[in-house]
Every structure is written in C-alpha cells, then in structure tokens.
Amino acid sequence: MKYSFNEETLTYHKIERNNKKLIKKIIYFLCSGLIISTITLLFFSQNIETPKKYLLEKRNLKLIKNFKQINQQLDAASNVLSGIQHRDDNCYRIYSEVNPIPPTIRQAGFGGVNRYKKLEGYENSDILIETAKKSDEILKQIYIQSKSFDEVFSIIKRKEKRFECVPAIQPVSYRQLNRISGVFGMRIHPIFKTRKMHYGIDFAAHIGSNIHAPGDGKVILVKHSKNGYGNELIIDHGFGYKTVYAHLHKILVKQGQKIKRGEIVAKVGSTGLSTGPHLHYEVRFNNRPINPANFFVNDLTNKEYDRVCNVQ
C-alpha cells in the first residue's frame, strides 16, 4: 500500500489505486514499443542486407541474365526462321506455283485481351513481357511455316504424280519409226481428198512395231473396228489428259487396266481408214485435241520438230 503525507494536518492518507489509468499506461507502453520495434525492423530490413535477401537478389540477377540470353537465342532463331521463310516464298512456293504467304499473315500479332497482363507489376516486367512476346511470335510463325511446308509437300507430291502421268515420250521409238507421215493441223485427207483437220500425228512404222504408253494411266477404251480409226485404244492419264491410238494391228491391254509409262500397249497396224501401216496418235486435254508434238519435243531432231510444229 502507498500513503501520502498531508503537511497541513500532519497526517498520512492512504492512496487508492486507479486501475483504469494503470491499464491505459500499460497499453500505451506496449503500443509505443511495438511501433518502435516495427520501425526499427523495417529500417534494418531495408538498409541492412540479410543472408536471405542476399540470396534472393543473387538469384534475381541470375534470372535476369538468363532471360537476356534467352532473348538473344530467340533473336537468332528468328533470323534463321526469316531465312527459311524467304526460301519458302521465293523458291519452294514459286517452284510449286503457289503464291507467297503475305507478310501481313506471317507477322500478324495476337488480337483480343492483353495476353501479358499477368506479367505486369513486377520489378523486371519489361524483360519478362519482351521474352514472352518473342516466344509467342516465333511459335506462331513456326506454325504458319509448318502449314506452308505441308501445302508445298502435298503439291510437289501431286506434281510428281502428274509428271509420271502426263504423256511425255514418243509412243513409237526411233529404232522402229520410219518417218512422221502426218502432222497436227489442216491437211488434204489422203482418202477423201478434202481439206480436213488432222487432230494427231501419224507415225509410219512396220506392222507389229511396238507402241509405248507415254505416261502412267488407265485404259478406258479398247475398240475393234474395220472403219474409221480401226482398232482403237484410249488411255486416261488423269489431270485432264487422254491419249488416243488408232489403226492398231493388235491391242495388248484390257479396258480398266492400269499401265506405266514406257509399257508396250499395242502394235502398229493399218486397220480402219488407213493407206498404210502407221499409228495415228492424239493427245487430248479436257477432251480437246492438242498438238502431241508439245509433249515429246525432246525426242525429235530440230528438223523434225520444225516440221511437226509447222515452223517455216
């Protein structure tokens, strides 16, 4: 207990405790200490490097360095991809007779919402967003390039098949050919003696001489007759091309049979309206007769080519 001395009355009085004031003082003291401790801790955490903070900063610097290296590698990859795109547009697609891919498609960005919003707000957001953008752009360009290669590959495969099918060799070899007795164009018919269009080329050769298929195809007509074209054979080569063989002595294939270029399909004869042993040979594109000489010019000498193509 505590007492106070009254000098006037020269007596002691008992001092009563005020619990409320005591509690207030304790709370004030605790709050003051907490505030001072917090300020002190913040000060030291910001200005004095702790081992944990040192490790975090070291890792952060290493990550930034790695991101810079990744950016350099992405730039190098982008340069390589640009070279591939250039060759694709100016070589592969031109060879395949396909239009180059417009830059607006190759370099197109991403629409819609901000794809990189989740990377914002960090200390190194700039390098994170830059790296993500480069990566996305390269991945999109690789996807477009992959689709382009798929398209070109498909076209080349189709062209290879077309090369195999287009009638590209002379049906009667030079070893068995006597002469070219009739060319494509207007002429006096040897039997009717009237001016009439001749839709093919006549290869004069001995009866029984081999007739070779000028390209891969399928036999769609085998006809035996004593009139007109006589014994006749038609091969469908696909891609709009058909070849016609008339005045045959013997047909060695059947209707519906698939054949390969160079295969012997018939023998030279003189059936139908014919004045002598020869092969009447036609090339039709979309059922329209065209000059067969355009398809085996490499088999002709210059003099023969000039005559067959009516070059004066």
Protein backbone atom coordinates (compact mmCIF):
# COMPACT_ATOMS: atom_id res chain seq x y z
CA MET A 1 0.00 0.00 0.00
CA LYS A 2 1.03 3.57 -0.61
CA TYR A 3 0.39 6.64 1.60
CA SER A 4 0.70 10.36 1.15
CA PHE A 5 1.64 12.90 3.89
CA ASN A 6 -0.58 15.94 4.44
CA GLU A 7 1.59 18.77 5.72
CA GLU A 8 -1.36 20.85 6.91
CA THR A 9 -2.91 18.15 9.01
CA LEU A 10 0.40 16.35 9.63
CA THR A 11 -1.31 13.05 8.87
CA TYR A 12 -0.91 10.17 6.35
CA HIS A 13 -3.64 9.26 3.92
CA LYS A 14 -3.94 6.01 2.10
CA ILE A 15 -3.57 6.30 -1.72
CA GLU A 16 -6.24 4.43 -3.63
CA ARG A 17 -5.12 2.73 -6.93
CA ASN A 18 -6.80 3.71 -10.27
CA ASN A 19 -6.85 0.50 -12.33
CA LYS A 20 -8.12 2.21 -15.47
CA LYS A 21 -5.21 4.62 -15.56
CA LEU A 22 -2.80 1.75 -14.95
CA ILE A 23 -4.20 -0.25 -17.86
CA LYS A 24 -4.01 2.78 -20.14
CA LYS A 25 -0.35 3.29 -19.23
CA ILE A 26 0.45 -0.37 -19.90
CA ILE A 27 -1.32 -0.29 -23.28
CA TYR A 28 0.40 2.95 -24.21
CA PHE A 29 3.77 1.46 -23.26
CA LEU A 30 3.18 -1.73 -25.27
CA CYS A 31 1.96 0.16 -28.36
CA SER A 32 4.92 2.52 -28.21
CA GLY A 33 7.28 -0.43 -28.01
CA LEU A 34 5.57 -2.24 -30.87
CA ILE A 35 5.73 0.83 -33.11
CA ILE A 36 9.38 1.44 -32.29
CA SER A 37 10.21 -2.24 -32.90
CA THR A 38 8.40 -2.25 -36.25
CA ILE A 39 10.14 0.90 -37.44
CA THR A 40 13.49 -0.49 -36.33
CA LEU A 41 12.87 -3.81 -38.09
CA LEU A 42 11.79 -2.10 -41.32
CA PHE A 43 14.80 0.16 -41.21
CA PHE A 44 17.24 -2.70 -40.77
CA SER A 45 15.47 -4.90 -43.36
CA GLN A 46 15.71 -2.14 -45.96
CA ASN A 47 19.20 -0.93 -45.23
CA ILE A 48 21.00 -3.94 -43.89
CA GLU A 49 21.42 -6.94 -46.22
CA THR A 50 20.37 -10.18 -44.63
CA PRO A 51 21.65 -13.57 -45.90
CA LYS A 52 18.17 -14.38 -47.23
CA LYS A 53 17.91 -11.08 -49.05
CA TYR A 54 21.39 -11.55 -50.49
CA LEU A 55 20.48 -14.98 -51.89
CA LEU A 56 17.23 -13.64 -53.37
CA GLU A 57 19.00 -10.75 -55.07
CA LYS A 58 21.67 -13.07 -56.40
CA ARG A 59 19.04 -15.40 -57.84
CA ASN A 60 17.18 -12.45 -59.32
CA LEU A 61 20.31 -11.20 -61.09
CA LYS A 62 20.96 -14.70 -62.42
CA LEU A 63 17.38 -14.95 -63.72
CA ILE A 64 17.68 -11.59 -65.47
CA LYS A 65 20.93 -12.74 -67.07
CA ASN A 66 19.27 -15.97 -68.21
CA PHE A 67 16.33 -14.03 -69.67
CA LYS A 68 18.75 -11.83 -71.62
CA GLN A 69 20.47 -14.94 -73.00
CA ILE A 70 17.09 -16.43 -73.94
CA ASN A 71 16.22 -13.19 -75.74
CA GLN A 72 19.47 -13.39 -77.71
CA GLN A 73 18.74 -17.01 -78.63
CA LEU A 74 15.20 -16.06 -79.68
CA ASP A 75 16.63 -13.30 -81.90
CA ALA A 76 19.00 -15.82 -83.51
CA ALA A 77 16.13 -18.29 -84.01
CA SER A 78 14.03 -15.51 -85.54
CA ASN A 79 16.83 -14.75 -88.04
CA VAL A 80 17.06 -18.42 -89.02
CA LEU A 81 13.29 -18.59 -89.39
CA SER A 82 13.34 -15.46 -91.59
CA GLY A 83 15.80 -17.21 -93.91
CA ILE A 84 13.55 -20.27 -94.11
CA GLN A 85 10.53 -18.05 -94.83
CA HIS A 86 12.46 -16.26 -97.60
CA ARG A 87 13.41 -19.56 -99.26
CA ASP A 88 9.84 -20.81 -98.87
CA ASP A 89 8.33 -17.73 -100.56
CA ASN A 90 10.97 -17.28 -103.25
CA CYS A 91 11.89 -20.88 -104.02
CA TYR A 92 9.65 -23.66 -102.75
CA ARG A 93 6.30 -21.93 -103.29
CA ILE A 94 7.32 -20.44 -106.65
CA TYR A 95 8.51 -23.87 -107.84
CA SER A 96 5.18 -25.29 -106.68
CA GLU A 97 3.31 -22.48 -108.47
CA VAL A 98 1.80 -21.23 -105.22
CA ASN A 99 1.60 -17.57 -104.20
CA PRO A 100 4.00 -16.49 -101.42
CA ILE A 101 2.49 -16.02 -97.96
CA PRO A 102 1.83 -12.28 -97.38
CA PRO A 103 3.92 -10.63 -94.62
CA THR A 104 0.68 -9.47 -93.00
CA ILE A 105 -0.09 -13.12 -92.29
CA ARG A 106 3.44 -14.21 -91.36
CA GLN A 107 3.96 -11.27 -88.98
CA ALA A 108 0.39 -10.98 -87.69
CA GLY A 109 0.08 -10.35 -83.97
CA PHE A 110 -2.37 -11.66 -81.42
CA GLY A 111 -5.73 -9.97 -81.07
CA GLY A 112 -8.07 -9.76 -78.13
CA VAL A 113 -7.21 -9.12 -74.48
CA ASN A 114 -3.76 -8.32 -73.15
CA ARG A 115 -2.01 -11.70 -73.11
CA TYR A 116 0.77 -10.43 -70.86
CA LYS A 117 -1.20 -8.68 -68.15
CA LYS A 118 -0.25 -11.36 -65.63
CA LEU A 119 3.41 -10.42 -66.13
CA GLU A 120 2.87 -6.76 -65.31
CA GLY A 121 3.64 -5.17 -61.93
CA TYR A 122 6.97 -6.90 -61.28
CA GLU A 123 10.35 -5.23 -60.92
CA ASN A 124 11.53 -6.85 -64.19
CA SER A 125 8.20 -6.97 -66.03
CA ASP A 126 9.71 -5.42 -69.19
CA ILE A 127 12.13 -8.26 -69.88
CA LEU A 128 9.52 -10.88 -68.94
CA ILE A 129 6.95 -9.42 -71.36
CA GLU A 130 9.56 -8.96 -74.12
CA THR A 131 10.65 -12.60 -73.83
CA ALA A 132 7.05 -13.87 -73.81
CA LYS A 133 6.17 -11.79 -76.89
CA LYS A 134 9.19 -13.01 -78.87
CA SER A 135 8.44 -16.61 -77.94
CA ASP A 136 4.79 -16.31 -78.98
CA GLU A 137 5.68 -14.60 -82.28
CA ILE A 138 8.23 -17.26 -83.19
CA LEU A 139 5.87 -20.10 -82.26
CA LYS A 140 3.12 -18.60 -84.43
CA GLN A 141 5.50 -18.10 -87.37
CA ILE A 142 6.75 -21.68 -86.99
CA TYR A 143 3.14 -22.90 -87.07
CA ILE A 144 2.42 -20.91 -90.26
CA GLN A 145 5.67 -22.14 -91.82
CA SER A 146 4.82 -25.73 -90.91
CA LYS A 147 1.43 -25.39 -92.62
CA SER A 148 3.16 -23.88 -95.67
CA PHE A 149 5.55 -26.83 -95.90
CA ASP A 150 2.60 -29.24 -95.62
CA GLU A 151 0.91 -27.43 -98.52
CA VAL A 152 4.06 -27.34 -100.67
CA PHE A 153 4.83 -31.00 -99.93
CA SER A 154 1.30 -32.01 -100.94
CA ILE A 155 1.56 -30.02 -104.18
CA ILE A 156 5.01 -31.45 -105.01
CA LYS A 157 3.76 -34.99 -104.42
CA ARG A 158 0.83 -34.24 -106.69
CA LYS A 159 3.18 -32.73 -109.29
CA GLU A 160 5.40 -35.83 -109.12
CA LYS A 161 2.35 -37.95 -109.83
CA ARG A 162 1.39 -35.56 -112.62
CA PHE A 163 4.88 -35.78 -114.13
CA GLU A 164 4.52 -39.54 -114.19
CA CYS A 165 1.11 -39.34 -115.88
CA VAL A 166 1.47 -36.54 -118.44
CA PRO A 167 2.17 -38.07 -121.92
CA ALA A 168 5.80 -37.06 -122.24
CA ILE A 169 7.52 -39.57 -124.53
CA GLN A 170 7.12 -40.51 -128.16
CA PRO A 171 4.87 -43.60 -128.47
CA VAL A 172 6.96 -45.16 -131.26
CA SER A 173 10.72 -45.32 -130.71
CA TYR A 174 13.15 -44.02 -133.33
CA ARG A 175 14.54 -47.50 -133.78
CA GLN A 176 11.20 -48.68 -135.17
CA LEU A 177 10.00 -45.39 -136.68
CA ASN A 178 10.23 -45.00 -140.45
CA ARG A 179 9.02 -41.41 -140.62
CA ILE A 180 6.37 -38.98 -139.43
CA SER A 181 3.78 -39.16 -142.18
CA GLY A 182 1.18 -36.76 -140.85
CA VAL A 183 1.27 -33.72 -138.55
CA PHE A 184 -1.27 -31.89 -136.43
CA GLY A 185 -3.29 -29.30 -138.36
CA MET A 186 -5.32 -28.77 -141.52
CA ARG A 187 -4.47 -31.09 -144.44
CA ILE A 188 -5.86 -32.84 -147.51
CA HIS A 189 -7.36 -36.12 -146.35
CA PRO A 190 -5.42 -38.98 -148.01
CA ILE A 191 -8.62 -40.92 -148.82
CA PHE A 192 -11.41 -38.34 -149.18
CA LYS A 193 -9.11 -35.76 -150.84
CA THR A 194 -10.83 -32.94 -148.95
CA ARG A 195 -9.33 -30.33 -146.67
CA LYS A 196 -9.85 -31.56 -143.16
CA MET A 197 -8.41 -31.05 -139.69
CA HIS A 198 -5.95 -33.73 -138.59
CA TYR A 199 -6.07 -33.97 -134.80
CA GLY A 200 -2.95 -36.01 -134.25
CA ILE A 201 0.43 -37.14 -135.54
CA ASP A 202 0.95 -40.17 -137.78
CA PHE A 203 3.98 -42.36 -137.03
CA ALA A 204 4.77 -44.57 -140.04
CA ALA A 205 6.30 -47.88 -138.98
CA HIS A 206 6.21 -51.55 -139.91
CA ILE A 207 3.19 -53.58 -138.88
CA GLY A 208 3.83 -55.07 -135.45
CA SER A 209 6.12 -52.26 -134.27
CA ASN A 210 5.78 -51.59 -130.55
CA ILE A 211 3.63 -48.73 -129.23
CA HIS A 212 4.64 -47.48 -125.78
CA ALA A 213 2.44 -45.70 -123.25
CA PRO A 214 3.73 -42.11 -122.95
CA GLY A 215 2.69 -41.82 -119.31
CA ASP A 216 1.01 -43.66 -116.43
CA GLY A 217 -2.70 -44.09 -116.81
CA LYS A 218 -5.72 -46.34 -117.14
CA VAL A 219 -7.17 -47.90 -120.27
CA ILE A 220 -10.70 -46.56 -120.76
CA LEU A 221 -11.43 -47.82 -124.30
CA VAL A 222 -10.49 -50.89 -126.30
CA LYS A 223 -12.33 -50.94 -129.62
CA HIS A 224 -12.05 -53.31 -132.57
CA SER A 225 -13.38 -51.97 -135.87
CA LYS A 226 -12.76 -52.02 -139.60
CA ASN A 227 -13.97 -48.45 -140.09
CA GLY A 228 -12.70 -45.01 -139.16
CA TYR A 229 -9.94 -45.33 -136.56
CA GLY A 230 -9.98 -49.11 -136.92
CA ASN A 231 -8.72 -50.89 -133.84
CA GLU A 232 -8.56 -48.11 -131.26
CA LEU A 233 -7.18 -47.63 -127.77
CA ILE A 234 -7.69 -44.71 -125.38
CA ILE A 235 -5.71 -44.17 -122.17
CA ASP A 236 -6.83 -41.75 -119.44
CA HIS A 237 -3.74 -40.29 -117.73
CA GLY A 238 -5.63 -38.16 -115.23
CA PHE A 239 -5.18 -34.42 -114.70
CA GLY A 240 -7.34 -33.87 -117.80
CA TYR A 241 -5.03 -35.78 -120.23
CA LYS A 242 -6.02 -38.63 -122.56
CA THR A 243 -4.15 -40.26 -125.43
CA VAL A 244 -5.71 -41.95 -128.47
CA TYR A 245 -4.11 -44.72 -130.59
CA ALA A 246 -5.72 -45.65 -133.92
CA HIS A 247 -5.31 -48.11 -136.82
CA LEU A 248 -3.76 -50.69 -134.48
CA HIS A 249 -2.74 -54.18 -135.56
CA LYS A 250 -3.06 -55.64 -132.08
CA ILE A 251 -4.06 -54.30 -128.65
CA LEU A 252 -2.10 -55.81 -125.73
CA VAL A 253 -4.04 -54.33 -122.80
CA LYS A 254 -7.58 -54.61 -121.47
CA GLN A 255 -10.14 -51.98 -120.62
CA GLY A 256 -9.74 -50.86 -117.00
CA GLN A 257 -6.09 -51.95 -116.86
CA LYS A 258 -3.58 -49.62 -115.19
CA ILE A 259 -0.36 -49.06 -117.10
CA LYS A 260 3.03 -47.43 -116.58
CA ARG A 261 4.98 -45.08 -118.81
CA GLY A 262 7.02 -47.00 -121.38
CA GLU A 263 4.86 -50.11 -121.20
CA ILE A 264 4.04 -51.68 -124.60
CA VAL A 265 0.27 -51.35 -125.04
CA ALA A 266 -0.29 -52.15 -128.73
CA LYS A 267 1.24 -52.89 -132.13
CA VAL A 268 1.30 -50.64 -135.18
CA GLY A 269 -1.20 -51.64 -137.86
CA SER A 270 -3.27 -50.39 -140.80
CA THR A 271 -6.87 -51.02 -139.76
CA GLY A 272 -9.82 -48.72 -140.49
CA LEU A 273 -9.41 -45.83 -142.95
CA SER A 274 -5.66 -46.17 -143.47
CA THR A 275 -3.46 -46.03 -146.56
CA GLY A 276 -0.55 -47.85 -144.94
CA PRO A 277 0.94 -49.08 -141.65
CA HIS A 278 1.12 -46.25 -139.14
CA LEU A 279 0.00 -45.11 -135.70
CA HIS A 280 -2.42 -42.23 -135.54
CA TYR A 281 -1.66 -40.67 -132.14
CA GLU A 282 -3.66 -37.95 -130.38
CA VAL A 283 -3.30 -36.07 -127.10
CA ARG A 284 -6.45 -34.58 -125.61
CA PHE A 285 -6.62 -32.16 -122.70
CA ASN A 286 -10.06 -31.80 -121.14
CA ASN A 287 -11.34 -33.65 -124.24
CA ARG A 288 -9.86 -31.02 -126.58
CA PRO A 289 -7.23 -32.26 -129.09
CA ILE A 290 -3.86 -30.51 -128.79
CA ASN A 291 -0.63 -30.93 -130.72
CA PRO A 292 1.15 -34.07 -129.42
CA ALA A 293 4.49 -32.62 -130.51
CA ASN A 294 4.38 -30.33 -127.48
CA PHE A 295 4.78 -33.36 -125.27
CA PHE A 296 7.73 -35.19 -126.80
CA VAL A 297 9.82 -32.40 -128.33
CA ASN A 298 12.93 -33.80 -126.64
CA ASP A 299 12.55 -36.95 -128.74
CA LEU A 300 12.68 -35.01 -132.04
CA THR A 301 15.53 -33.55 -134.03
CA ASN A 302 15.33 -29.84 -134.78
CA LYS A 303 14.30 -30.52 -138.39
CA GLU A 304 11.55 -32.93 -137.33
CA TYR A 305 10.33 -30.61 -134.61
CA ASP A 306 10.06 -27.71 -137.08
CA ARG A 307 8.04 -29.86 -139.45
CA VAL A 308 5.76 -31.35 -136.81
CA CYS A 309 5.07 -27.93 -135.27
CA ASN A 310 4.61 -26.33 -138.73
CA VAL A 311 7.56 -23.99 -138.22
CA GLN A 312 8.50 -22.35 -141.51
